[in-house]
Amino acid sequence: MIRAGSGGKHSERPGIGWFAAAIQWVRALTFVWALLAHAAGAGTLEDGLRGVKPTEGLGFANLSKDLVIFAGIINSRTGASMLRVTRGAKLGLRVDLLMREGASQRRITLRCRIWHVFGDGRRSGLLADEICLKGVVGGNGKNEVAGKERWFLPDPEAPRGPTALVLQVDEPATGATTTLAVTYFWAGGRR
């Protein structure tokens, strides 16, 4: 009979020791696998997004109490929403601003930074860093929408699978910032 509490060599219940040892081995192998994967540069889409919760095809976020930013992946030919992108397709990121009803009139300038995060967690360089929306909004008592489209060709060397276009919107005058990640399935990537 094996007794509990003496360094794992003994247990009150026969046969439990092998199960605990197997669990320890699985944990150790999982840890080693994670280290090797990290060393090899493998990761996940969520690793590359660093805390930004992705949405499929269309996303929105509050920039301030009066401003909501919408972003969606669209087809360059039809303007329709795109969830699956194939080789040769040109995709767009449509960025819209909604000024809430009853907001007072004000001048805005919004800077957009856009980059890809691939399914393996890698980030592309900046695809855009520009003033994306500028003008006077609000003051008429109605919801207002202003928008802009930015077009991209997917990277053929990126891995096949879920991919995100990340949009960071800043309003320099107020210091407000928000980040959206809109995903699509990249069907033309390498396997």
Protein backbone atom coordinates (compact mmCIF):
# COMPACT_ATOMS: atom_id res chain seq x y z
CA MET A 1 0.00 0.00 0.00
CA ILE A 2 1.25 3.51 -0.87
CA ARG A 3 0.80 6.39 1.64
CA ALA A 4 -0.12 10.02 0.83
CA GLY A 5 2.02 12.98 1.81
CA SER A 6 5.49 11.52 1.48
CA GLY A 7 6.85 13.22 -1.61
CA GLY A 8 4.58 11.51 -4.13
CA LYS A 9 6.17 8.10 -3.59
CA HIS A 10 3.18 6.77 -1.67
CA SER A 11 -0.60 7.11 -1.87
CA GLU A 12 -3.49 5.79 0.22
CA ARG A 13 -5.29 4.78 -2.99
CA PRO A 14 -3.53 2.22 -5.16
CA GLY A 15 -3.29 3.10 -8.85
CA ILE A 16 -3.63 6.90 -8.47
CA GLY A 17 0.11 7.57 -8.68
CA TRP A 18 0.39 6.71 -12.38
CA PHE A 19 -2.50 9.07 -13.21
CA ALA A 20 -0.90 12.00 -11.38
CA ALA A 21 2.42 11.25 -13.07
CA ALA A 22 0.71 11.20 -16.48
CA ILE A 23 -0.92 14.58 -15.77
CA GLN A 24 2.49 16.01 -14.78
CA TRP A 25 4.03 14.72 -18.04
CA VAL A 26 1.22 16.22 -20.12
CA ARG A 27 1.70 19.58 -18.38
CA ALA A 28 5.45 19.44 -18.92
CA LEU A 29 5.08 18.53 -22.61
CA THR A 30 2.50 21.29 -23.11
CA PHE A 31 4.88 23.81 -21.55
CA VAL A 32 7.79 22.65 -23.74
CA TRP A 33 5.55 22.73 -26.85
CA ALA A 34 4.50 26.31 -26.01
CA LEU A 35 8.14 27.36 -25.58
CA LEU A 36 9.13 25.77 -28.89
CA ALA A 37 6.19 27.35 -30.71
CA HIS A 38 7.05 30.76 -29.24
CA ALA A 39 10.71 30.36 -30.21
CA ALA A 40 9.68 29.41 -33.75
CA GLY A 41 7.53 32.53 -33.99
CA ALA A 42 4.24 30.65 -34.15
CA GLY A 43 1.28 32.34 -32.55
CA THR A 44 -2.37 33.04 -33.01
CA LEU A 45 -4.45 35.87 -34.34
CA GLU A 46 -5.36 36.81 -30.76
CA ASP A 47 -1.64 37.02 -29.84
CA GLY A 48 -1.10 39.58 -32.59
CA LEU A 49 -4.19 41.60 -31.61
CA ARG A 50 -2.83 42.14 -28.08
CA GLY A 51 -6.10 42.49 -26.22
CA VAL A 52 -8.25 43.96 -29.00
CA LYS A 53 -11.39 41.84 -29.36
CA PRO A 54 -11.94 41.03 -33.05
CA THR A 55 -15.33 41.06 -34.80
CA GLU A 56 -16.16 39.29 -38.04
CA GLY A 57 -16.74 41.54 -41.05
CA LEU A 58 -18.02 44.64 -39.22
CA GLY A 59 -17.16 46.30 -35.93
CA PHE A 60 -17.89 49.47 -34.02
CA ALA A 61 -16.51 51.33 -31.01
CA ASN A 62 -17.17 54.58 -29.18
CA LEU A 63 -14.56 57.26 -29.77
CA SER A 64 -16.34 59.64 -27.38
CA LYS A 65 -19.81 60.05 -25.92
CA ASP A 66 -21.02 61.57 -29.22
CA LEU A 67 -18.91 59.74 -31.80
CA VAL A 68 -19.12 56.08 -32.84
CA ILE A 69 -16.69 54.58 -35.34
CA PHE A 70 -17.81 51.72 -37.61
CA ALA A 71 -15.42 49.65 -39.73
CA GLY A 72 -16.26 46.93 -42.22
CA ILE A 73 -14.50 44.82 -44.84
CA ILE A 74 -16.02 45.32 -48.29
CA ASN A 75 -15.59 44.01 -51.82
CA SER A 76 -13.99 46.56 -54.19
CA ARG A 77 -16.28 45.62 -57.10
CA THR A 78 -19.65 45.43 -55.36
CA GLY A 79 -19.24 47.39 -52.15
CA ALA A 80 -20.85 44.45 -50.33
CA SER A 81 -19.57 43.10 -47.03
CA MET A 82 -16.81 40.51 -47.40
CA LEU A 83 -16.11 37.67 -44.97
CA ARG A 84 -14.04 35.44 -47.29
CA VAL A 85 -11.29 36.82 -49.52
CA THR A 86 -9.66 34.86 -52.38
CA ARG A 87 -6.53 35.49 -54.47
CA GLY A 88 -6.88 38.40 -56.86
CA ALA A 89 -9.61 40.03 -54.81
CA LYS A 90 -9.20 43.62 -53.73
CA LEU A 91 -10.72 44.32 -50.35
CA GLY A 92 -11.61 47.56 -48.73
CA LEU A 93 -11.93 48.83 -45.23
CA ARG A 94 -14.91 51.15 -44.98
CA VAL A 95 -14.63 53.54 -42.03
CA ASP A 96 -17.75 55.41 -40.98
CA LEU A 97 -18.35 57.96 -38.25
CA LEU A 98 -21.76 58.29 -36.63
CA MET A 99 -22.43 61.53 -34.78
CA ARG A 100 -25.18 60.87 -32.26
CA GLU A 101 -28.48 62.69 -32.48
CA GLY A 102 -28.52 65.91 -30.47
CA ALA A 103 -24.73 66.32 -30.39
CA SER A 104 -23.51 69.88 -30.66
CA GLN A 105 -21.72 70.99 -33.80
CA ARG A 106 -17.96 70.68 -33.82
CA ARG A 107 -15.00 70.36 -36.11
CA ILE A 108 -13.28 66.98 -36.14
CA THR A 109 -10.06 65.61 -37.53
CA LEU A 110 -9.53 61.87 -37.18
CA ARG A 111 -6.27 60.05 -37.87
CA CYS A 112 -6.49 56.40 -38.94
CA ARG A 113 -3.73 53.83 -38.70
CA ILE A 114 -4.36 50.48 -40.36
CA TRP A 115 -2.38 47.24 -40.30
CA HIS A 116 -2.93 43.51 -40.79
CA VAL A 117 -2.64 40.83 -38.14
CA PHE A 118 -2.24 37.39 -39.70
CA GLY A 119 -3.53 34.08 -38.37
CA ASP A 120 -0.10 33.20 -36.98
CA GLY A 121 0.01 36.38 -34.88
CA ARG A 122 2.42 38.34 -37.09
CA ARG A 123 1.67 42.01 -37.76
CA SER A 124 2.24 43.76 -41.06
CA GLY A 125 3.77 47.18 -41.24
CA LEU A 126 1.41 50.15 -41.36
CA LEU A 127 -0.81 50.01 -44.44
CA ALA A 128 -2.11 53.52 -43.80
CA ASP A 129 -1.37 56.36 -41.41
CA GLU A 130 -3.44 59.32 -42.55
CA ILE A 131 -6.20 61.77 -41.79
CA CYS A 132 -9.27 59.70 -42.62
CA LEU A 133 -12.17 61.94 -41.63
CA LYS A 134 -12.14 65.72 -41.37
CA GLY A 135 -14.88 68.32 -41.25
CA VAL A 136 -17.72 69.80 -39.24
CA VAL A 137 -20.30 67.40 -37.79
CA GLY A 138 -23.29 67.62 -35.48
CA GLY A 139 -25.58 70.43 -34.52
CA ASN A 140 -28.54 69.54 -36.75
CA GLY A 141 -30.36 67.25 -34.30
CA LYS A 142 -30.03 64.15 -36.52
CA ASN A 143 -27.68 61.19 -36.69
CA GLU A 144 -24.91 61.95 -39.15
CA VAL A 145 -22.65 59.55 -40.98
CA ALA A 146 -19.42 60.41 -42.73
CA GLY A 147 -17.25 57.75 -44.32
CA LYS A 148 -14.12 56.81 -46.20
CA GLU A 149 -12.90 53.68 -47.94
CA ARG A 150 -9.32 52.41 -48.13
CA TRP A 151 -8.40 49.57 -50.55
CA PHE A 152 -5.91 46.73 -50.04
CA LEU A 153 -4.61 43.65 -51.79
CA PRO A 154 -4.17 40.72 -49.40
CA ASP A 155 -0.63 39.43 -48.89
CA PRO A 156 -0.32 36.16 -50.89
CA GLU A 157 2.46 34.99 -48.55
CA ALA A 158 0.28 35.40 -45.45
CA PRO A 159 -1.02 32.15 -43.98
CA ARG A 160 -4.43 30.89 -45.05
CA GLY A 161 -7.07 31.43 -42.37
CA PRO A 162 -8.52 34.16 -40.18
CA THR A 163 -6.88 37.54 -40.73
CA ALA A 164 -7.69 40.92 -39.20
CA LEU A 165 -7.50 44.44 -40.48
CA VAL A 166 -6.84 46.59 -37.42
CA LEU A 167 -7.98 50.20 -37.36
CA GLN A 168 -6.75 52.64 -34.73
CA VAL A 169 -8.60 55.96 -34.77
CA ASP A 170 -7.27 58.99 -32.90
CA GLU A 171 -8.80 62.42 -32.45
CA PRO A 172 -5.72 64.59 -31.71
CA ALA A 173 -7.76 67.58 -30.51
CA THR A 174 -9.33 65.62 -27.64
CA GLY A 175 -6.79 62.83 -27.15
CA ALA A 176 -9.52 60.23 -27.71
CA THR A 177 -8.46 56.93 -29.28
CA THR A 178 -10.08 53.59 -30.08
CA THR A 179 -8.97 50.41 -31.85
CA LEU A 180 -11.10 47.99 -33.88
CA ALA A 181 -10.11 44.65 -35.40
CA VAL A 182 -12.30 43.37 -38.23
CA THR A 183 -11.66 39.82 -39.40
CA TYR A 184 -12.06 37.97 -42.67
CA PHE A 185 -11.06 34.51 -43.88
CA TRP A 186 -8.02 34.71 -46.20
CA ALA A 187 -8.59 31.77 -48.55
CA GLY A 188 -5.71 32.61 -50.91
CA GLY A 189 -2.87 32.39 -48.41
CA ARG A 190 -0.15 29.78 -48.05
CA ARG A 191 -1.05 26.56 -46.30
